[in-house]
Structure formats: C-alpha cells, structure tokens
Amino acid sequence: AVDFYVKVMGWYHVSGPIKVKEKDQESRLSLISRNLYGKDWGSFRFAHFANAAGVGFEIFEFENNKTIRSINDSFKTGITHFAV
C-alpha cells in the first residue's frame, strides 16, 4: 500500500508501517489504542504520509476487520471520497 500512495497519489512517505498489538503491555501505542478501540481488535498496522501542501494522512489496516465485503456507506465507514 505504501508504494501505491507514493507512486500513484504522489504523497511523501513519513513513517511506517508500524504494527501495534492489543496485548503488548509495554507499548504506549498499545495503551492509547486500547483506550480508543476497546477490546478484540488484535493488532493493526498504520503508516503516515503527507502531500505537497503538508497535509498529513494516516492509513490503518486492522487484523480483525470482520467486514468481508466493501461497504459503500459513508455513515458506516466515515469516508465519502478522495479527490486529486
């Protein structure tokens, strides 16, 4: 996914992917994530990007995503569209 956002979207890769595990008791990111996402998310990876205007983007991939099919419903996903 990193290559796609860099090559196709023209974004700058800032960091990641970084893996965060729910059961990691030593990691500050795990603690923050447990507070945000609750229980049973398992783990996720995320990466940071920025565009030429300095706008930052975080891309997340959750291990326990139970949605098998894509849901094209902005009220469920929070995403309406991307425009370049």
N, C-alpha and C. Protein backbone atom coordinates (compact mmCIF):
# COMPACT_ATOMS: atom_id res chain seq x y z
N ALA A 1 0.82 -1.20 0.00
CA ALA A 1 0.00 0.00 0.00
C ALA A 1 0.86 1.26 0.00
N VAL A 2 2.01 1.20 0.66
CA VAL A 2 2.90 2.37 0.71
C VAL A 2 3.29 2.79 -0.70
N ASP A 3 3.67 1.84 -1.53
CA ASP A 3 4.06 2.17 -2.91
C ASP A 3 2.93 2.86 -3.67
N PHE A 4 1.70 2.39 -3.48
CA PHE A 4 0.56 2.99 -4.17
C PHE A 4 0.43 4.47 -3.81
N TYR A 5 0.44 4.78 -2.53
CA TYR A 5 0.24 6.17 -2.11
C TYR A 5 1.40 7.07 -2.52
N VAL A 6 2.59 6.53 -2.58
CA VAL A 6 3.76 7.31 -3.00
C VAL A 6 3.76 7.50 -4.52
N LYS A 7 3.62 6.40 -5.27
CA LYS A 7 3.74 6.46 -6.73
C LYS A 7 2.50 7.00 -7.42
N VAL A 8 1.32 6.58 -6.98
CA VAL A 8 0.08 6.98 -7.66
C VAL A 8 -0.45 8.31 -7.13
N MET A 9 -0.49 8.46 -5.81
CA MET A 9 -1.05 9.67 -5.23
C MET A 9 -0.02 10.80 -5.12
N GLY A 10 1.27 10.45 -5.20
CA GLY A 10 2.31 11.47 -5.11
C GLY A 10 2.57 11.93 -3.69
N TRP A 11 2.15 11.15 -2.70
CA TRP A 11 2.36 11.52 -1.31
C TRP A 11 3.78 11.17 -0.88
N TYR A 12 4.25 11.83 0.17
CA TYR A 12 5.54 11.54 0.77
C TYR A 12 5.34 10.54 1.91
N HIS A 13 6.17 9.51 1.93
CA HIS A 13 6.10 8.51 3.00
C HIS A 13 6.87 9.05 4.20
N VAL A 14 6.19 9.26 5.31
CA VAL A 14 6.81 9.83 6.50
C VAL A 14 7.31 8.73 7.44
N SER A 15 6.45 7.73 7.73
CA SER A 15 6.87 6.64 8.62
C SER A 15 5.94 5.44 8.47
N GLY A 16 6.43 4.30 8.94
CA GLY A 16 5.62 3.08 8.95
C GLY A 16 5.85 2.22 7.73
N PRO A 17 5.12 1.14 7.66
CA PRO A 17 4.05 0.75 8.57
C PRO A 17 4.59 0.37 9.95
N ILE A 18 3.82 0.75 10.96
CA ILE A 18 4.12 0.45 12.35
C ILE A 18 3.05 -0.53 12.83
N LYS A 19 3.46 -1.64 13.45
CA LYS A 19 2.50 -2.62 13.94
C LYS A 19 2.24 -2.37 15.42
N VAL A 20 0.96 -2.37 15.79
CA VAL A 20 0.54 -2.19 17.18
C VAL A 20 -0.27 -3.42 17.57
N LYS A 21 0.10 -4.04 18.70
CA LYS A 21 -0.58 -5.24 19.17
C LYS A 21 -1.37 -4.93 20.44
N GLU A 22 -2.62 -5.38 20.45
CA GLU A 22 -3.51 -5.12 21.59
C GLU A 22 -2.92 -5.63 22.90
N LYS A 23 -2.31 -6.79 22.91
CA LYS A 23 -1.84 -7.43 24.14
C LYS A 23 -0.45 -6.97 24.58
N ASP A 24 0.18 -6.06 23.86
CA ASP A 24 1.50 -5.56 24.23
C ASP A 24 1.36 -4.59 25.40
N GLN A 25 1.75 -5.02 26.57
CA GLN A 25 1.60 -4.21 27.79
C GLN A 25 2.70 -3.16 27.94
N GLU A 26 3.77 -3.27 27.17
CA GLU A 26 4.91 -2.36 27.28
C GLU A 26 4.78 -1.12 26.38
N SER A 27 3.97 -1.22 25.35
CA SER A 27 3.91 -0.18 24.32
C SER A 27 2.90 0.92 24.67
N ARG A 28 3.36 2.14 24.60
CA ARG A 28 2.47 3.30 24.82
C ARG A 28 1.40 3.36 23.72
N LEU A 29 1.79 3.02 22.48
CA LEU A 29 0.81 3.00 21.39
C LEU A 29 -0.29 1.98 21.64
N SER A 30 0.06 0.83 22.22
CA SER A 30 -0.94 -0.18 22.54
C SER A 30 -1.91 0.33 23.60
N LEU A 31 -1.39 1.00 24.61
CA LEU A 31 -2.24 1.56 25.67
C LEU A 31 -3.22 2.58 25.09
N ILE A 32 -2.71 3.49 24.30
CA ILE A 32 -3.57 4.51 23.67
C ILE A 32 -4.61 3.84 22.79
N SER A 33 -4.20 2.83 22.03
CA SER A 33 -5.12 2.14 21.11
C SER A 33 -6.19 1.37 21.87
N ARG A 34 -5.84 0.76 23.00
CA ARG A 34 -6.86 0.08 23.82
C ARG A 34 -7.88 1.08 24.34
N ASN A 35 -7.43 2.28 24.70
CA ASN A 35 -8.36 3.32 25.15
C ASN A 35 -9.27 3.79 24.02
N LEU A 36 -8.74 3.86 22.81
CA LEU A 36 -9.53 4.31 21.66
C LEU A 36 -10.47 3.25 21.10
N TYR A 37 -9.95 2.02 20.92
CA TYR A 37 -10.67 0.99 20.18
C TYR A 37 -11.30 -0.08 21.05
N GLY A 38 -11.06 -0.05 22.36
CA GLY A 38 -11.65 -1.05 23.24
C GLY A 38 -10.93 -2.39 23.14
N LYS A 39 -11.73 -3.48 23.11
CA LYS A 39 -11.17 -4.83 23.12
C LYS A 39 -11.38 -5.53 21.79
N ASP A 40 -10.59 -6.58 21.61
CA ASP A 40 -10.75 -7.54 20.50
C ASP A 40 -10.38 -6.99 19.13
N TRP A 41 -9.50 -6.03 19.05
CA TRP A 41 -9.02 -5.59 17.73
C TRP A 41 -7.75 -6.32 17.33
N GLY A 42 -7.13 -7.04 18.23
CA GLY A 42 -5.97 -7.88 17.90
C GLY A 42 -4.71 -7.09 17.62
N SER A 43 -4.59 -6.61 16.41
CA SER A 43 -3.44 -5.77 16.04
C SER A 43 -3.81 -4.97 14.81
N PHE A 44 -3.02 -3.96 14.55
CA PHE A 44 -3.18 -3.18 13.32
C PHE A 44 -1.84 -2.62 12.92
N ARG A 45 -1.77 -2.22 11.67
CA ARG A 45 -0.59 -1.53 11.13
C ARG A 45 -1.06 -0.16 10.64
N PHE A 46 -0.18 0.82 10.75
CA PHE A 46 -0.50 2.12 10.20
C PHE A 46 0.76 2.79 9.66
N ALA A 47 0.54 3.69 8.73
CA ALA A 47 1.64 4.43 8.12
C ALA A 47 1.23 5.89 7.99
N HIS A 48 2.22 6.77 8.05
CA HIS A 48 1.99 8.21 7.91
C HIS A 48 2.48 8.69 6.56
N PHE A 49 1.71 9.58 5.96
CA PHE A 49 2.05 10.20 4.68
C PHE A 49 1.76 11.69 4.77
N ALA A 50 2.32 12.45 3.83
CA ALA A 50 2.00 13.87 3.70
C ALA A 50 1.98 14.20 2.22
N ASN A 51 1.14 15.17 1.86
CA ASN A 51 1.15 15.61 0.45
C ASN A 51 2.01 16.86 0.31
N ALA A 52 2.08 17.39 -0.89
CA ALA A 52 2.95 18.54 -1.16
C ALA A 52 2.54 19.78 -0.38
N ALA A 53 1.26 19.88 -0.01
CA ALA A 53 0.77 21.02 0.75
C ALA A 53 1.00 20.85 2.25
N GLY A 54 1.56 19.70 2.64
CA GLY A 54 1.83 19.46 4.05
C GLY A 54 0.68 18.83 4.81
N VAL A 55 -0.37 18.41 4.11
CA VAL A 55 -1.49 17.76 4.76
C VAL A 55 -1.09 16.32 5.08
N GLY A 56 -1.30 15.90 6.33
CA GLY A 56 -0.92 14.56 6.76
C GLY A 56 -2.05 13.57 6.62
N PHE A 57 -1.69 12.32 6.35
CA PHE A 57 -2.64 11.22 6.21
C PHE A 57 -2.13 10.03 6.99
N GLU A 58 -3.03 9.34 7.69
CA GLU A 58 -2.70 8.08 8.34
C GLU A 58 -3.56 7.00 7.71
N ILE A 59 -2.93 5.90 7.33
CA ILE A 59 -3.63 4.77 6.72
C ILE A 59 -3.55 3.61 7.70
N PHE A 60 -4.70 3.01 8.04
CA PHE A 60 -4.77 1.92 9.01
C PHE A 60 -5.21 0.62 8.35
N GLU A 61 -4.69 -0.51 8.86
CA GLU A 61 -5.12 -1.84 8.44
C GLU A 61 -5.27 -2.69 9.70
N PHE A 62 -6.54 -3.02 10.04
CA PHE A 62 -6.82 -3.80 11.25
C PHE A 62 -6.83 -5.29 10.95
N GLU A 63 -6.19 -6.07 11.82
CA GLU A 63 -6.13 -7.53 11.68
C GLU A 63 -7.52 -8.15 11.78
N ASN A 64 -8.32 -7.71 12.73
CA ASN A 64 -9.62 -8.33 12.99
C ASN A 64 -10.78 -7.60 12.33
N ASN A 65 -10.55 -7.07 11.15
CA ASN A 65 -11.64 -6.43 10.41
C ASN A 65 -12.60 -7.52 9.97
N LYS A 66 -13.83 -7.49 10.47
CA LYS A 66 -14.79 -8.55 10.20
C LYS A 66 -15.61 -8.30 8.94
N THR A 67 -15.44 -7.16 8.32
CA THR A 67 -16.21 -6.85 7.12
C THR A 67 -15.59 -7.58 5.94
N ILE A 68 -16.33 -8.51 5.37
CA ILE A 68 -15.83 -9.29 4.24
C ILE A 68 -15.94 -8.50 2.95
N ARG A 69 -17.05 -7.82 2.76
CA ARG A 69 -17.26 -7.02 1.55
C ARG A 69 -17.09 -5.55 1.87
N SER A 70 -16.75 -4.80 0.86
CA SER A 70 -16.65 -3.35 1.00
C SER A 70 -18.05 -2.77 1.20
N ILE A 71 -18.17 -1.87 2.15
CA ILE A 71 -19.46 -1.21 2.41
C ILE A 71 -19.35 0.22 1.89
N ASN A 72 -20.09 0.53 0.86
CA ASN A 72 -20.07 1.86 0.29
C ASN A 72 -21.15 2.70 0.97
N ASP A 73 -20.93 2.99 2.24
CA ASP A 73 -21.89 3.74 3.04
C ASP A 73 -21.10 4.68 3.94
N SER A 74 -21.09 5.95 3.61
CA SER A 74 -20.26 6.91 4.35
C SER A 74 -20.66 7.02 5.82
N PHE A 75 -21.89 6.63 6.17
CA PHE A 75 -22.30 6.68 7.57
C PHE A 75 -21.67 5.54 8.37
N LYS A 76 -21.22 4.47 7.71
CA LYS A 76 -20.58 3.35 8.39
C LYS A 76 -19.06 3.44 8.33
N THR A 77 -18.52 3.94 7.23
CA THR A 77 -17.06 3.97 7.07
C THR A 77 -16.44 5.31 7.43
N GLY A 78 -17.20 6.39 7.35
CA GLY A 78 -16.66 7.71 7.62
C GLY A 78 -15.93 8.32 6.43
N ILE A 79 -15.85 7.57 5.33
CA ILE A 79 -15.17 8.06 4.13
C ILE A 79 -16.22 8.35 3.07
N THR A 80 -16.18 9.52 2.49
CA THR A 80 -17.10 9.81 1.40
C THR A 80 -16.41 9.70 0.05
N HIS A 81 -15.22 10.29 -0.08
CA HIS A 81 -14.46 10.17 -1.32
C HIS A 81 -13.09 10.83 -1.16
N PHE A 82 -12.22 10.48 -2.06
CA PHE A 82 -10.94 11.16 -2.20
C PHE A 82 -10.92 11.80 -3.57
N ALA A 83 -10.42 12.99 -3.66
CA ALA A 83 -10.30 13.65 -4.96
C ALA A 83 -8.88 14.20 -5.10
N VAL A 84 -8.34 14.06 -6.29
CA VAL A 84 -6.98 14.54 -6.53
C VAL A 84 -7.03 15.60 -7.61
